[in-house]
Amino acid sequence: MMGGWGGFGLGWLFMLVWWALILAVLVGLIRWLFTGHSGDSGARSDSKRHLDILKERYARGDIDRETYDRMRRELES
């Protein structure tokens, strides 16, 4: 006799873990595909955003040409 378990034991638990793992992989893959998968895209967009802010400050007259050039060189390096 198998003690009333019907021969399955903890098989249901392993099946649950298996499907959770498959679901996690699918969710991760979908997020990776839709958020872009180039490694440094975040760093490039931050740098572009900072340069845009610097250009706006120069256009408003908040900073002079020397300061603009110095800060631009620092951001681009």
C-alpha atoms as a PDB file:
ATOM      1  CA  MET A   1       0.000   0.000   0.000  1.00  0.00           C
ATOM      2  CA  MET A   2       1.019   3.564  -0.589  1.00  0.00           C
ATOM      3  CA  GLY A   3      -0.551   5.139   2.441  1.00  0.00           C
ATOM      4  CA  GLY A   4      -3.405   6.890   0.645  1.00  0.00           C
ATOM      5  CA  TRP A   5      -1.214   9.220  -1.411  1.00  0.00           C
ATOM      6  CA  GLY A   6      -2.143   7.559  -4.662  1.00  0.00           C
ATOM      7  CA  GLY A   7       1.483   7.221  -5.684  1.00  0.00           C
ATOM      8  CA  PHE A   8       2.070  10.946  -6.198  1.00  0.00           C
ATOM      9  CA  GLY A   9       3.762  11.919  -2.950  1.00  0.00           C
ATOM     10  CA  LEU A  10       5.168  15.405  -3.348  1.00  0.00           C
ATOM     11  CA  GLY A  11       4.957  15.363  -7.143  1.00  0.00           C
ATOM     12  CA  TRP A  12       2.429  18.188  -7.109  1.00  0.00           C
ATOM     13  CA  LEU A  13       4.967  20.425  -5.355  1.00  0.00           C
ATOM     14  CA  PHE A  14       7.627  19.785  -7.980  1.00  0.00           C
ATOM     15  CA  MET A  15       5.104  20.448 -10.734  1.00  0.00           C
ATOM     16  CA  LEU A  16       4.158  23.744  -9.082  1.00  0.00           C
ATOM     17  CA  VAL A  17       7.813  24.777  -8.838  1.00  0.00           C
ATOM     18  CA  TRP A  18       8.358  23.768 -12.487  1.00  0.00           C
ATOM     19  CA  TRP A  19       5.497  25.955 -13.748  1.00  0.00           C
ATOM     20  CA  ALA A  20       6.566  28.860 -11.530  1.00  0.00           C
ATOM     21  CA  LEU A  21      10.053  28.625 -13.031  1.00  0.00           C
ATOM     22  CA  ILE A  22       8.684  28.591 -16.584  1.00  0.00           C
ATOM     23  CA  LEU A  23       6.474  31.593 -15.808  1.00  0.00           C
ATOM     24  CA  ALA A  24       9.405  33.515 -14.298  1.00  0.00           C
ATOM     25  CA  VAL A  25      11.548  32.838 -17.372  1.00  0.00           C
ATOM     26  CA  LEU A  26       8.760  33.987 -19.702  1.00  0.00           C
ATOM     27  CA  VAL A  27       8.155  37.185 -17.725  1.00  0.00           C
ATOM     28  CA  GLY A  28      11.889  37.906 -17.668  1.00  0.00           C
ATOM     29  CA  LEU A  29      12.187  37.317 -21.405  1.00  0.00           C
ATOM     30  CA  ILE A  30       9.240  39.593 -22.184  1.00  0.00           C
ATOM     31  CA  ARG A  31      10.623  42.368 -19.963  1.00  0.00           C
ATOM     32  CA  TRP A  32      14.050  42.001 -21.564  1.00  0.00           C
ATOM     33  CA  LEU A  33      12.585  42.261 -25.064  1.00  0.00           C
ATOM     34  CA  PHE A  34      10.377  45.276 -24.361  1.00  0.00           C
ATOM     35  CA  THR A  35      12.785  47.330 -22.250  1.00  0.00           C
ATOM     36  CA  GLY A  36      15.683  47.061 -24.666  1.00  0.00           C
ATOM     37  CA  HIS A  37      18.596  44.776 -24.150  1.00  0.00           C
ATOM     38  CA  SER A  38      21.661  46.850 -24.905  1.00  0.00           C
ATOM     39  CA  GLY A  39      23.758  46.872 -21.776  1.00  0.00           C
ATOM     40  CA  ASP A  40      24.600  50.568 -21.487  1.00  0.00           C
ATOM     41  CA  SER A  41      21.521  52.218 -22.980  1.00  0.00           C
ATOM     42  CA  GLY A  42      20.647  53.732 -19.600  1.00  0.00           C
ATOM     43  CA  ALA A  43      24.046  55.362 -19.277  1.00  0.00           C
ATOM     44  CA  ARG A  44      23.819  56.841 -22.764  1.00  0.00           C
ATOM     45  CA  SER A  45      20.339  58.250 -22.200  1.00  0.00           C
ATOM     46  CA  ASP A  46      21.447  59.821 -18.895  1.00  0.00           C
ATOM     47  CA  SER A  47      24.408  61.446 -20.620  1.00  0.00           C
ATOM     48  CA  LYS A  48      22.162  62.783 -23.389  1.00  0.00           C
ATOM     49  CA  ARG A  49      19.711  64.113 -20.813  1.00  0.00           C
ATOM     50  CA  HIS A  50      22.515  65.886 -18.959  1.00  0.00           C
ATOM     51  CA  LEU A  51      23.786  67.451 -22.170  1.00  0.00           C
ATOM     52  CA  ASP A  52      20.266  68.632 -23.003  1.00  0.00           C
ATOM     53  CA  ILE A  53      19.982  70.287 -19.591  1.00  0.00           C
ATOM     54  CA  LEU A  54      23.374  71.932 -20.098  1.00  0.00           C
ATOM     55  CA  LYS A  55      22.281  73.267 -23.509  1.00  0.00           C
ATOM     56  CA  GLU A  56      19.097  74.679 -21.979  1.00  0.00           C
ATOM     57  CA  ARG A  57      21.073  76.424 -19.238  1.00  0.00           C
ATOM     58  CA  TYR A  58      23.396  77.960 -21.834  1.00  0.00           C
ATOM     59  CA  ALA A  59      20.465  79.046 -24.016  1.00  0.00           C
ATOM     60  CA  ARG A  60      18.780  80.741 -21.046  1.00  0.00           C
ATOM     61  CA  GLY A  61      21.998  82.572 -20.224  1.00  0.00           C
ATOM     62  CA  ASP A  62      22.478  80.858 -16.858  1.00  0.00           C
ATOM     63  CA  ILE A  63      26.078  79.955 -17.755  1.00  0.00           C
ATOM     64  CA  ASP A  64      28.689  81.562 -19.997  1.00  0.00           C
ATOM     65  CA  ARG A  65      30.427  80.012 -23.014  1.00  0.00           C
ATOM     66  CA  GLU A  66      33.559  78.961 -21.088  1.00  0.00           C
ATOM     67  CA  THR A  67      31.521  77.179 -18.426  1.00  0.00           C
ATOM     68  CA  TYR A  68      29.377  75.521 -21.084  1.00  0.00           C
ATOM     69  CA  ASP A  69      32.421  74.223 -22.988  1.00  0.00           C
ATOM     70  CA  ARG A  70      34.129  72.968 -19.829  1.00  0.00           C
ATOM     71  CA  MET A  71      31.027  71.176 -18.552  1.00  0.00           C
ATOM     72  CA  ARG A  72      30.279  69.683 -21.986  1.00  0.00           C
ATOM     73  CA  ARG A  73      33.799  68.250 -22.207  1.00  0.00           C
ATOM     74  CA  GLU A  74      33.422  66.736 -18.732  1.00  0.00           C
ATOM     75  CA  LEU A  75      30.078  65.151 -19.612  1.00  0.00           C
ATOM     76  CA  GLU A  76      31.326  63.758 -22.922  1.00  0.00           C
ATOM     77  CA  SER A  77      34.437  62.180 -21.423  1.00  0.00           C
END
